[in-house]
Amino acid sequence: MWNSYAFVHYATMEEARRALDQSNGAM
């Protein structure tokens, strides 16, 4: 059960970092 939560949390952080990287690239 915790594994799924950890995966979702990691996926969210990965998406956030990707969005941040895209924002920096646009700048």
Protein backbone atom coordinates (compact mmCIF):
# COMPACT_ATOMS: atom_id res chain seq x y z
CA MET A 1 0.00 0.00 0.00
CA TRP A 2 2.75 2.45 0.99
CA ASN A 3 4.60 1.51 -2.19
CA SER A 4 1.80 2.90 -4.35
CA TYR A 5 1.73 6.11 -2.30
CA ALA A 6 5.48 6.50 -2.61
CA PHE A 7 5.25 5.97 -6.36
CA VAL A 8 2.55 8.62 -6.71
CA HIS A 9 4.53 11.02 -4.54
CA TYR A 10 7.67 10.42 -6.59
CA ALA A 11 5.76 10.83 -9.85
CA THR A 12 4.33 14.13 -8.63
CA MET A 13 7.74 15.42 -7.61
CA GLU A 14 9.16 14.34 -10.96
CA GLU A 15 6.40 16.19 -12.79
CA ALA A 16 6.93 19.30 -10.67
CA ARG A 17 10.68 19.26 -11.31
CA ARG A 18 10.06 18.76 -15.02
CA ALA A 19 7.67 21.72 -15.10
CA LEU A 20 10.20 23.83 -13.21
CA ASP A 21 12.94 22.83 -15.63
CA GLN A 22 10.69 23.72 -18.57
CA SER A 23 9.97 27.11 -16.99
CA ASN A 24 13.69 27.76 -16.52
CA GLY A 25 14.34 26.72 -20.11
CA ALA A 26 11.67 29.11 -21.36
CA MET A 27 13.34 31.90 -19.43
